[in-house]
Amino acid sequence: MMRTIETQRLLLREVRESDTQTIFERWANDPEVTRYMTWNPHRSAEHTRMIVDYWLSEYGKDTTYRWVIVPKGEDKPVGMIDVVSYDDDGTPAIGYCEGKAYWGRGYMTEALNAVTALLFGEGFRELKISAVDENKASNRVIQKAGFTYEKSESIPMSLAKPDIVTLNTYRLKKPQ
């Protein structure tokens, strides 16, 4: 069972089916938000609903860590943060996105700090995160959260977006 995380300004909770329209409208359909994502903007709320249904089906797995980010005092999410994959050695890789209207408020740094604390509390010794080099704001969020630059590589963004990008990878080791 995934835990809800509470920070000073945010509530990180499980995705709900009722979040579908908000996810679609606030970030999933926005080409500017999805520019540096591995996926393309959703063309319809139905597309988002299919993905939300898949996410909901994954909550039974021990390897699923996925939250929507909701500012306290509001009921609708402004973004998401989750473990998007695991390295061969089991190191979790974190991913996130946030609606453009909420950029620059420090929500993502606050959410990333909370998720790293939870994952270290779950016993992980190291975490990984990557950002496209051009995405300066995301690289700053990662650095503010204490991650250390490891490497850059020129690779295709994803199967859905085969353009070559420079991807910066960062790591954070569990504090002793």
N, C-alpha and C. Protein backbone atom coordinates (compact mmCIF):
# COMPACT_ATOMS: atom_id res chain seq x y z
N MET A 1 0.85 -1.20 0.00
CA MET A 1 0.00 0.00 0.00
C MET A 1 0.88 1.25 0.00
N MET A 2 0.68 2.10 -0.96
CA MET A 2 1.47 3.33 -1.04
C MET A 2 1.05 4.30 0.05
N ARG A 3 2.02 4.99 0.56
CA ARG A 3 1.75 5.99 1.58
C ARG A 3 1.55 7.37 0.97
N THR A 4 0.65 8.12 1.56
CA THR A 4 0.50 9.53 1.23
C THR A 4 1.66 10.25 1.92
N ILE A 5 2.21 11.24 1.23
CA ILE A 5 3.30 12.03 1.80
C ILE A 5 2.79 13.46 1.99
N GLU A 6 3.05 14.01 3.16
CA GLU A 6 2.67 15.39 3.43
C GLU A 6 3.92 16.22 3.65
N THR A 7 3.99 17.37 2.99
CA THR A 7 5.09 18.31 3.19
C THR A 7 4.49 19.60 3.73
N GLN A 8 5.31 20.61 3.84
CA GLN A 8 4.82 21.89 4.36
C GLN A 8 3.67 22.43 3.52
N ARG A 9 3.79 22.34 2.18
CA ARG A 9 2.78 22.93 1.31
C ARG A 9 2.02 21.93 0.45
N LEU A 10 2.42 20.66 0.46
CA LEU A 10 1.89 19.70 -0.51
C LEU A 10 1.37 18.43 0.14
N LEU A 11 0.47 17.80 -0.61
CA LEU A 11 0.03 16.45 -0.30
C LEU A 11 0.34 15.61 -1.54
N LEU A 12 1.13 14.57 -1.37
CA LEU A 12 1.42 13.64 -2.46
C LEU A 12 0.59 12.39 -2.18
N ARG A 13 -0.31 12.09 -3.09
CA ARG A 13 -1.24 10.97 -2.89
C ARG A 13 -1.33 10.13 -4.16
N GLU A 14 -1.96 8.96 -4.01
CA GLU A 14 -2.17 8.09 -5.17
C GLU A 14 -3.01 8.78 -6.22
N VAL A 15 -2.78 8.41 -7.45
CA VAL A 15 -3.62 8.85 -8.56
C VAL A 15 -5.01 8.25 -8.37
N ARG A 16 -6.03 9.00 -8.70
CA ARG A 16 -7.42 8.52 -8.66
C ARG A 16 -7.99 8.62 -10.07
N GLU A 17 -8.96 7.78 -10.35
CA GLU A 17 -9.62 7.86 -11.66
C GLU A 17 -10.21 9.25 -11.88
N SER A 18 -10.69 9.87 -10.80
CA SER A 18 -11.29 11.20 -10.91
C SER A 18 -10.27 12.29 -11.25
N ASP A 19 -8.97 11.97 -11.23
CA ASP A 19 -7.93 12.93 -11.61
C ASP A 19 -7.73 13.01 -13.12
N THR A 20 -8.32 12.10 -13.87
CA THR A 20 -8.02 11.98 -15.30
C THR A 20 -8.15 13.29 -16.06
N GLN A 21 -9.28 13.95 -15.94
CA GLN A 21 -9.49 15.18 -16.71
C GLN A 21 -8.49 16.27 -16.32
N THR A 22 -8.20 16.37 -15.02
CA THR A 22 -7.23 17.36 -14.54
C THR A 22 -5.84 17.06 -15.08
N ILE A 23 -5.44 15.80 -15.05
CA ILE A 23 -4.13 15.41 -15.59
C ILE A 23 -4.06 15.80 -17.06
N PHE A 24 -5.10 15.47 -17.81
CA PHE A 24 -5.13 15.81 -19.24
C PHE A 24 -5.02 17.31 -19.44
N GLU A 25 -5.84 18.08 -18.74
CA GLU A 25 -5.90 19.53 -18.96
C GLU A 25 -4.70 20.29 -18.43
N ARG A 26 -4.16 19.87 -17.28
CA ARG A 26 -3.09 20.66 -16.64
C ARG A 26 -1.70 20.35 -17.18
N TRP A 27 -1.47 19.13 -17.67
CA TRP A 27 -0.12 18.87 -18.20
C TRP A 27 -0.04 17.86 -19.32
N ALA A 28 -0.84 16.82 -19.35
CA ALA A 28 -0.63 15.73 -20.32
C ALA A 28 -0.86 16.14 -21.77
N ASN A 29 -1.69 17.17 -22.00
CA ASN A 29 -1.96 17.59 -23.38
C ASN A 29 -1.10 18.78 -23.82
N ASP A 30 -0.23 19.26 -22.95
CA ASP A 30 0.51 20.49 -23.20
C ASP A 30 1.87 20.21 -23.86
N PRO A 31 2.05 20.63 -25.12
CA PRO A 31 3.33 20.37 -25.80
C PRO A 31 4.52 21.00 -25.10
N GLU A 32 4.31 22.11 -24.40
CA GLU A 32 5.43 22.74 -23.70
C GLU A 32 5.84 21.91 -22.48
N VAL A 33 4.87 21.36 -21.75
CA VAL A 33 5.17 20.51 -20.60
C VAL A 33 5.82 19.21 -21.05
N THR A 34 5.31 18.63 -22.13
CA THR A 34 5.80 17.31 -22.56
C THR A 34 7.03 17.39 -23.47
N ARG A 35 7.49 18.59 -23.74
CA ARG A 35 8.63 18.78 -24.65
C ARG A 35 9.82 17.91 -24.26
N TYR A 36 10.14 17.82 -22.97
CA TYR A 36 11.30 17.06 -22.51
C TYR A 36 10.93 15.71 -21.90
N MET A 37 9.68 15.30 -22.08
CA MET A 37 9.24 14.00 -21.60
C MET A 37 9.51 12.94 -22.66
N THR A 38 9.50 11.68 -22.25
CA THR A 38 9.71 10.59 -23.20
C THR A 38 8.45 10.27 -23.99
N TRP A 39 7.35 10.92 -23.65
CA TRP A 39 6.06 10.66 -24.29
C TRP A 39 5.53 11.93 -24.95
N ASN A 40 4.67 11.74 -25.91
CA ASN A 40 4.06 12.85 -26.65
C ASN A 40 2.82 13.35 -25.93
N PRO A 41 2.40 14.60 -26.22
CA PRO A 41 1.18 15.11 -25.59
C PRO A 41 -0.02 14.21 -25.90
N HIS A 42 -0.87 14.06 -24.92
CA HIS A 42 -2.09 13.27 -25.13
C HIS A 42 -3.04 14.06 -26.02
N ARG A 43 -3.66 13.39 -26.97
CA ARG A 43 -4.58 14.05 -27.89
C ARG A 43 -6.00 14.14 -27.34
N SER A 44 -6.29 13.30 -26.34
CA SER A 44 -7.66 13.29 -25.80
C SER A 44 -7.64 12.85 -24.34
N ALA A 45 -8.69 13.21 -23.63
CA ALA A 45 -8.84 12.76 -22.25
C ALA A 45 -9.00 11.24 -22.20
N GLU A 46 -9.53 10.66 -23.27
CA GLU A 46 -9.67 9.19 -23.33
C GLU A 46 -8.29 8.53 -23.32
N HIS A 47 -7.34 9.11 -24.03
CA HIS A 47 -5.95 8.62 -24.01
C HIS A 47 -5.41 8.66 -22.57
N THR A 48 -5.63 9.79 -21.90
CA THR A 48 -5.19 9.93 -20.51
C THR A 48 -5.88 8.90 -19.63
N ARG A 49 -7.18 8.67 -19.86
CA ARG A 49 -7.91 7.69 -19.05
C ARG A 49 -7.31 6.30 -19.18
N MET A 50 -6.90 5.90 -20.38
CA MET A 50 -6.29 4.58 -20.57
C MET A 50 -5.00 4.47 -19.76
N ILE A 51 -4.21 5.54 -19.72
CA ILE A 51 -2.96 5.52 -18.97
C ILE A 51 -3.25 5.52 -17.47
N VAL A 52 -4.21 6.31 -17.02
CA VAL A 52 -4.59 6.32 -15.60
C VAL A 52 -5.07 4.93 -15.19
N ASP A 53 -5.86 4.28 -16.01
CA ASP A 53 -6.32 2.91 -15.70
C ASP A 53 -5.13 1.97 -15.52
N TYR A 54 -4.13 2.11 -16.39
CA TYR A 54 -2.92 1.29 -16.27
C TYR A 54 -2.19 1.59 -14.95
N TRP A 55 -2.04 2.88 -14.65
CA TRP A 55 -1.37 3.25 -13.39
C TRP A 55 -2.11 2.68 -12.19
N LEU A 56 -3.43 2.76 -12.20
CA LEU A 56 -4.22 2.24 -11.09
C LEU A 56 -4.00 0.73 -10.93
N SER A 57 -3.88 0.02 -12.05
CA SER A 57 -3.65 -1.43 -11.99
C SER A 57 -2.29 -1.77 -11.41
N GLU A 58 -1.34 -0.84 -11.48
CA GLU A 58 0.02 -1.09 -10.98
C GLU A 58 0.16 -0.87 -9.47
N TYR A 59 -0.82 -0.24 -8.84
CA TYR A 59 -0.68 0.06 -7.41
C TYR A 59 -0.56 -1.18 -6.53
N GLY A 60 -0.92 -2.34 -7.02
CA GLY A 60 -0.77 -3.56 -6.23
C GLY A 60 0.66 -4.08 -6.18
N LYS A 61 1.54 -3.54 -7.00
CA LYS A 61 2.93 -4.02 -7.07
C LYS A 61 3.80 -3.30 -6.04
N ASP A 62 4.72 -4.05 -5.43
CA ASP A 62 5.65 -3.47 -4.45
C ASP A 62 6.59 -2.45 -5.08
N THR A 63 6.79 -2.54 -6.38
CA THR A 63 7.75 -1.67 -7.07
C THR A 63 7.12 -0.35 -7.54
N THR A 64 5.84 -0.15 -7.27
CA THR A 64 5.15 1.06 -7.74
C THR A 64 5.21 2.15 -6.68
N TYR A 65 5.79 3.27 -7.08
CA TYR A 65 5.81 4.49 -6.29
C TYR A 65 5.36 5.60 -7.23
N ARG A 66 4.13 6.07 -7.06
CA ARG A 66 3.57 7.07 -7.99
C ARG A 66 2.58 7.95 -7.24
N TRP A 67 2.80 9.25 -7.33
CA TRP A 67 1.94 10.21 -6.65
C TRP A 67 1.53 11.34 -7.57
N VAL A 68 0.34 11.89 -7.34
CA VAL A 68 0.00 13.20 -7.88
C VAL A 68 0.37 14.20 -6.78
N ILE A 69 0.69 15.41 -7.21
CA ILE A 69 1.11 16.48 -6.31
C ILE A 69 -0.04 17.47 -6.18
N VAL A 70 -0.54 17.63 -4.95
CA VAL A 70 -1.70 18.49 -4.71
C VAL A 70 -1.30 19.55 -3.66
N PRO A 71 -1.35 20.82 -4.02
CA PRO A 71 -1.09 21.85 -3.01
C PRO A 71 -2.15 21.77 -1.90
N LYS A 72 -1.72 21.95 -0.66
CA LYS A 72 -2.67 21.92 0.46
C LYS A 72 -3.73 22.99 0.25
N GLY A 73 -4.94 22.65 0.60
CA GLY A 73 -6.05 23.58 0.42
C GLY A 73 -6.71 23.47 -0.94
N GLU A 74 -6.14 22.65 -1.83
CA GLU A 74 -6.73 22.41 -3.14
C GLU A 74 -7.09 20.93 -3.23
N ASP A 75 -7.91 20.58 -4.21
CA ASP A 75 -8.26 19.17 -4.35
C ASP A 75 -7.79 18.58 -5.67
N LYS A 76 -7.23 19.41 -6.54
CA LYS A 76 -6.81 18.93 -7.86
C LYS A 76 -5.28 18.95 -7.97
N PRO A 77 -4.72 17.91 -8.59
CA PRO A 77 -3.27 17.84 -8.72
C PRO A 77 -2.72 18.86 -9.71
N VAL A 78 -1.46 19.26 -9.45
CA VAL A 78 -0.75 20.18 -10.33
C VAL A 78 0.40 19.48 -11.06
N GLY A 79 0.68 18.24 -10.68
CA GLY A 79 1.77 17.49 -11.31
C GLY A 79 1.83 16.08 -10.75
N MET A 80 2.88 15.38 -11.17
CA MET A 80 3.09 13.99 -10.73
C MET A 80 4.57 13.76 -10.48
N ILE A 81 4.84 12.75 -9.65
CA ILE A 81 6.21 12.29 -9.42
C ILE A 81 6.14 10.79 -9.16
N ASP A 82 7.08 10.05 -9.75
CA ASP A 82 7.06 8.59 -9.56
C ASP A 82 8.41 7.97 -9.84
N VAL A 83 8.52 6.69 -9.48
CA VAL A 83 9.66 5.89 -9.89
C VAL A 83 9.30 5.35 -11.26
N VAL A 84 10.07 5.77 -12.27
CA VAL A 84 9.74 5.42 -13.65
C VAL A 84 10.41 4.13 -14.11
N SER A 85 11.49 3.72 -13.43
CA SER A 85 12.19 2.49 -13.79
C SER A 85 13.18 2.15 -12.68
N TYR A 86 13.80 0.99 -12.84
CA TYR A 86 14.85 0.55 -11.92
C TYR A 86 16.05 0.09 -12.74
N ASP A 87 17.26 0.46 -12.29
CA ASP A 87 18.48 -0.05 -12.92
C ASP A 87 18.59 -1.55 -12.64
N ASP A 88 19.51 -2.21 -13.33
CA ASP A 88 19.73 -3.65 -13.11
C ASP A 88 20.05 -3.96 -11.65
N ASP A 89 20.71 -3.02 -10.96
CA ASP A 89 21.06 -3.24 -9.55
C ASP A 89 19.93 -2.85 -8.59
N GLY A 90 18.77 -2.46 -9.13
CA GLY A 90 17.62 -2.11 -8.30
C GLY A 90 17.51 -0.64 -7.92
N THR A 91 18.44 0.19 -8.41
CA THR A 91 18.38 1.62 -8.12
C THR A 91 17.18 2.25 -8.81
N PRO A 92 16.30 2.92 -8.05
CA PRO A 92 15.14 3.55 -8.67
C PRO A 92 15.52 4.82 -9.42
N ALA A 93 14.85 5.03 -10.56
CA ALA A 93 14.98 6.27 -11.33
C ALA A 93 13.67 7.04 -11.17
N ILE A 94 13.78 8.29 -10.78
CA ILE A 94 12.61 9.13 -10.51
C ILE A 94 12.30 9.98 -11.74
N GLY A 95 11.02 10.20 -11.99
CA GLY A 95 10.58 11.10 -13.05
C GLY A 95 9.46 11.97 -12.51
N TYR A 96 9.26 13.11 -13.14
CA TYR A 96 8.20 14.01 -12.69
C TYR A 96 7.76 14.92 -13.82
N CYS A 97 6.59 15.51 -13.66
CA CYS A 97 6.13 16.56 -14.56
C CYS A 97 5.12 17.43 -13.80
N GLU A 98 4.97 18.65 -14.29
CA GLU A 98 4.13 19.61 -13.59
C GLU A 98 3.48 20.54 -14.59
N GLY A 99 2.24 20.89 -14.34
CA GLY A 99 1.53 21.82 -15.20
C GLY A 99 2.25 23.16 -15.27
N LYS A 100 2.29 23.74 -16.46
CA LYS A 100 3.02 24.99 -16.71
C LYS A 100 2.58 26.12 -15.77
N ALA A 101 1.30 26.17 -15.45
CA ALA A 101 0.79 27.24 -14.58
C ALA A 101 1.39 27.19 -13.17
N TYR A 102 2.05 26.08 -12.84
CA TYR A 102 2.58 25.90 -11.48
C TYR A 102 4.11 25.93 -11.44
N TRP A 103 4.74 26.16 -12.59
CA TRP A 103 6.20 26.24 -12.64
C TRP A 103 6.69 27.42 -11.81
N GLY A 104 7.87 27.26 -11.24
CA GLY A 104 8.52 28.35 -10.54
C GLY A 104 8.05 28.58 -9.11
N ARG A 105 7.22 27.71 -8.58
CA ARG A 105 6.70 27.89 -7.21
C ARG A 105 7.45 27.03 -6.19
N GLY A 106 8.39 26.20 -6.66
CA GLY A 106 9.14 25.35 -5.75
C GLY A 106 8.43 24.06 -5.38
N TYR A 107 7.28 23.80 -5.98
CA TYR A 107 6.54 22.58 -5.65
C TYR A 107 7.34 21.32 -5.99
N MET A 108 7.99 21.31 -7.17
CA MET A 108 8.66 20.09 -7.59
C MET A 108 9.88 19.79 -6.72
N THR A 109 10.63 20.81 -6.34
CA THR A 109 11.76 20.58 -5.45
C THR A 109 11.27 20.01 -4.12
N GLU A 110 10.19 20.56 -3.60
CA GLU A 110 9.61 20.09 -2.34
C GLU A 110 9.12 18.64 -2.47
N ALA A 111 8.47 18.33 -3.58
CA ALA A 111 7.98 16.97 -3.81
C ALA A 111 9.16 15.99 -3.98
N LEU A 112 10.17 16.40 -4.74
CA LEU A 112 11.33 15.52 -4.96
C LEU A 112 12.06 15.23 -3.65
N ASN A 113 12.23 16.24 -2.81
CA ASN A 113 12.85 16.03 -1.51
C ASN A 113 12.04 15.04 -0.66
N ALA A 114 10.73 15.17 -0.69
CA ALA A 114 9.87 14.27 0.10
C ALA A 114 9.94 12.84 -0.42
N VAL A 115 9.95 12.67 -1.73
CA VAL A 115 10.00 11.32 -2.31
C VAL A 115 11.37 10.68 -2.05
N THR A 116 12.44 11.45 -2.17
CA THR A 116 13.76 10.86 -1.89
C THR A 116 13.83 10.41 -0.43
N ALA A 117 13.30 11.20 0.49
CA ALA A 117 13.30 10.81 1.91
C ALA A 117 12.51 9.52 2.12
N LEU A 118 11.35 9.41 1.48
CA LEU A 118 10.55 8.20 1.61
C LEU A 118 11.29 6.99 1.03
N LEU A 119 11.88 7.14 -0.15
CA LEU A 119 12.58 6.01 -0.78
C LEU A 119 13.78 5.57 0.05
N PHE A 120 14.52 6.51 0.62
CA PHE A 120 15.62 6.13 1.50
C PHE A 120 15.07 5.43 2.74
N GLY A 121 13.95 5.88 3.25
CA GLY A 121 13.29 5.22 4.38
C GLY A 121 12.83 3.81 4.06
N GLU A 122 12.56 3.54 2.78
CA GLU A 122 12.14 2.21 2.33
C GLU A 122 13.36 1.28 2.15
N GLY A 123 14.56 1.81 2.33
CA GLY A 123 15.75 0.97 2.27
C GLY A 123 16.62 1.13 1.03
N PHE A 124 16.21 1.97 0.09
CA PHE A 124 17.07 2.19 -1.08
C PHE A 124 18.31 2.98 -0.64
N ARG A 125 19.46 2.63 -1.19
CA ARG A 125 20.72 3.26 -0.81
C ARG A 125 21.13 4.38 -1.78
N GLU A 126 20.55 4.35 -2.97
CA GLU A 126 20.91 5.31 -4.00
C GLU A 126 19.72 5.54 -4.91
N LEU A 127 19.60 6.76 -5.44
CA LEU A 127 18.53 7.11 -6.36
C LEU A 127 19.14 7.76 -7.59
N LYS A 128 18.41 7.71 -8.69
CA LYS A 128 18.89 8.25 -9.95
C LYS A 128 17.79 9.11 -10.55
N ILE A 129 18.19 10.12 -11.31
CA ILE A 129 17.24 10.96 -12.03
C ILE A 129 17.97 11.55 -13.23
N SER A 130 17.23 11.78 -14.30
CA SER A 130 17.82 12.33 -15.51
C SER A 130 16.98 13.49 -16.02
N ALA A 131 17.63 14.38 -16.75
CA ALA A 131 16.93 15.51 -17.37
C ALA A 131 17.66 15.88 -18.66
N VAL A 132 16.89 16.26 -19.65
CA VAL A 132 17.47 16.74 -20.90
C VAL A 132 18.24 18.02 -20.57
N ASP A 133 19.44 18.14 -21.12
CA ASP A 133 20.32 19.26 -20.83
C ASP A 133 19.65 20.61 -21.10
N GLU A 134 18.87 20.71 -22.18
CA GLU A 134 18.18 21.97 -22.52
C GLU A 134 17.15 22.39 -21.47
N ASN A 135 16.67 21.44 -20.69
CA ASN A 135 15.64 21.73 -19.69
C ASN A 135 16.32 22.25 -18.42
N LYS A 136 16.75 23.51 -18.49
CA LYS A 136 17.53 24.11 -17.41
C LYS A 136 16.77 24.12 -16.07
N ALA A 137 15.48 24.39 -16.10
CA ALA A 137 14.70 24.44 -14.86
C ALA A 137 14.70 23.08 -14.16
N SER A 138 14.53 22.00 -14.92
CA SER A 138 14.51 20.67 -14.32
C SER A 138 15.88 20.30 -13.76
N ASN A 139 16.94 20.64 -14.48
CA ASN A 139 18.29 20.38 -13.97
C ASN A 139 18.51 21.13 -12.66
N ARG A 140 17.99 22.36 -12.54
CA ARG A 140 18.12 23.12 -11.29
C ARG A 140 17.35 22.46 -10.15
N VAL A 141 16.14 21.98 -10.43
CA VAL A 141 15.34 21.29 -9.40
C VAL A 141 16.14 20.10 -8.86
N ILE A 142 16.70 19.32 -9.76
CA ILE A 142 17.45 18.12 -9.38
C ILE A 142 18.67 18.49 -8.52
N GLN A 143 19.38 19.52 -8.92
CA GLN A 143 20.56 19.94 -8.15
C GLN A 143 20.16 20.51 -6.79
N LYS A 144 19.05 21.28 -6.74
CA LYS A 144 18.58 21.83 -5.46
C LYS A 144 18.19 20.72 -4.49
N ALA A 145 17.75 19.58 -5.04
CA ALA A 145 17.36 18.45 -4.20
C ALA A 145 18.58 17.62 -3.75
N GLY A 146 19.78 18.07 -4.13
CA GLY A 146 20.98 17.42 -3.62
C GLY A 146 21.59 16.35 -4.50
N PHE A 147 21.00 16.11 -5.67
CA PHE A 147 21.56 15.10 -6.56
C PHE A 147 22.87 15.61 -7.16
N THR A 148 23.80 14.69 -7.39
CA THR A 148 25.11 15.00 -7.95
C THR A 148 25.18 14.57 -9.41
N TYR A 149 25.67 15.45 -10.25
CA TYR A 149 25.84 15.15 -11.67
C TYR A 149 26.77 13.96 -11.83
N GLU A 150 26.35 13.02 -12.69
CA GLU A 150 27.15 11.84 -12.96
C GLU A 150 27.72 11.84 -14.38
N LYS A 151 26.83 12.06 -15.38
CA LYS A 151 27.29 11.99 -16.77
C LYS A 151 26.26 12.61 -17.70
N SER A 152 26.70 12.89 -18.92
CA SER A 152 25.82 13.30 -20.01
C SER A 152 26.04 12.35 -21.16
N GLU A 153 24.97 12.05 -21.87
CA GLU A 153 25.11 11.22 -23.06
C GLU A 153 24.10 11.66 -24.11
N SER A 154 24.51 11.53 -25.37
CA SER A 154 23.62 11.85 -26.49
C SER A 154 22.93 10.56 -26.90
N ILE A 155 21.61 10.55 -26.70
CA ILE A 155 20.81 9.34 -26.96
C ILE A 155 19.46 9.75 -27.53
N PRO A 156 18.76 8.79 -28.16
CA PRO A 156 17.38 9.09 -28.57
C PRO A 156 16.54 9.33 -27.30
N MET A 157 15.63 10.29 -27.36
CA MET A 157 14.77 10.60 -26.22
C MET A 157 14.00 9.35 -25.77
N SER A 158 13.37 8.67 -26.73
CA SER A 158 12.58 7.47 -26.44
C SER A 158 12.14 6.87 -27.77
N LEU A 159 11.46 5.74 -27.72
CA LEU A 159 10.90 5.17 -28.95
C LEU A 159 9.86 6.11 -29.56
N ALA A 160 9.09 6.77 -28.71
CA ALA A 160 8.05 7.69 -29.18
C ALA A 160 8.64 8.99 -29.72
N LYS A 161 9.82 9.35 -29.24
CA LYS A 161 10.50 10.58 -29.65
C LYS A 161 11.96 10.23 -29.98
N PRO A 162 12.21 9.80 -31.21
CA PRO A 162 13.56 9.30 -31.55
C PRO A 162 14.64 10.36 -31.75
N ASP A 163 14.31 11.65 -31.63
CA ASP A 163 15.33 12.69 -31.78
C ASP A 163 16.43 12.50 -30.73
N ILE A 164 17.66 12.80 -31.14
CA ILE A 164 18.81 12.69 -30.25
C ILE A 164 18.82 13.90 -29.30
N VAL A 165 18.98 13.63 -28.01
CA VAL A 165 19.06 14.67 -26.99
C VAL A 165 20.29 14.41 -26.12
N THR A 166 20.74 15.44 -25.43
CA THR A 166 21.78 15.26 -24.42
C THR A 166 21.07 15.07 -23.09
N LEU A 167 21.26 13.90 -22.50
CA LEU A 167 20.59 13.55 -21.25
C LEU A 167 21.60 13.60 -20.11
N ASN A 168 21.32 14.42 -19.11
CA ASN A 168 22.16 14.51 -17.91
C ASN A 168 21.62 13.55 -16.87
N THR A 169 22.50 12.74 -16.30
CA THR A 169 22.11 11.80 -15.25
C THR A 169 22.74 12.22 -13.94
N TYR A 170 21.94 12.14 -12.89
CA TYR A 170 22.35 12.52 -11.54
C TYR A 170 22.08 11.36 -10.59
N ARG A 171 22.83 11.32 -9.50
CA ARG A 171 22.62 10.31 -8.45
C ARG A 171 22.60 10.98 -7.09
N LEU A 172 21.91 10.34 -6.17
CA LEU A 172 21.87 10.78 -4.78
C LEU A 172 22.04 9.55 -3.92
N LYS A 173 23.05 9.56 -3.06
CA LYS A 173 23.30 8.44 -2.14
C LYS A 173 22.61 8.73 -0.81
N LYS A 174 22.16 7.66 -0.18
CA LYS A 174 21.50 7.79 1.12
C LYS A 174 22.47 8.39 2.12
N PRO A 175 22.03 9.42 2.85
CA PRO A 175 22.91 10.00 3.87
C PRO A 175 23.27 8.96 4.93
N GLN A 176 24.50 9.04 5.42
CA GLN A 176 24.96 8.08 6.44
C GLN A 176 24.42 8.43 7.80
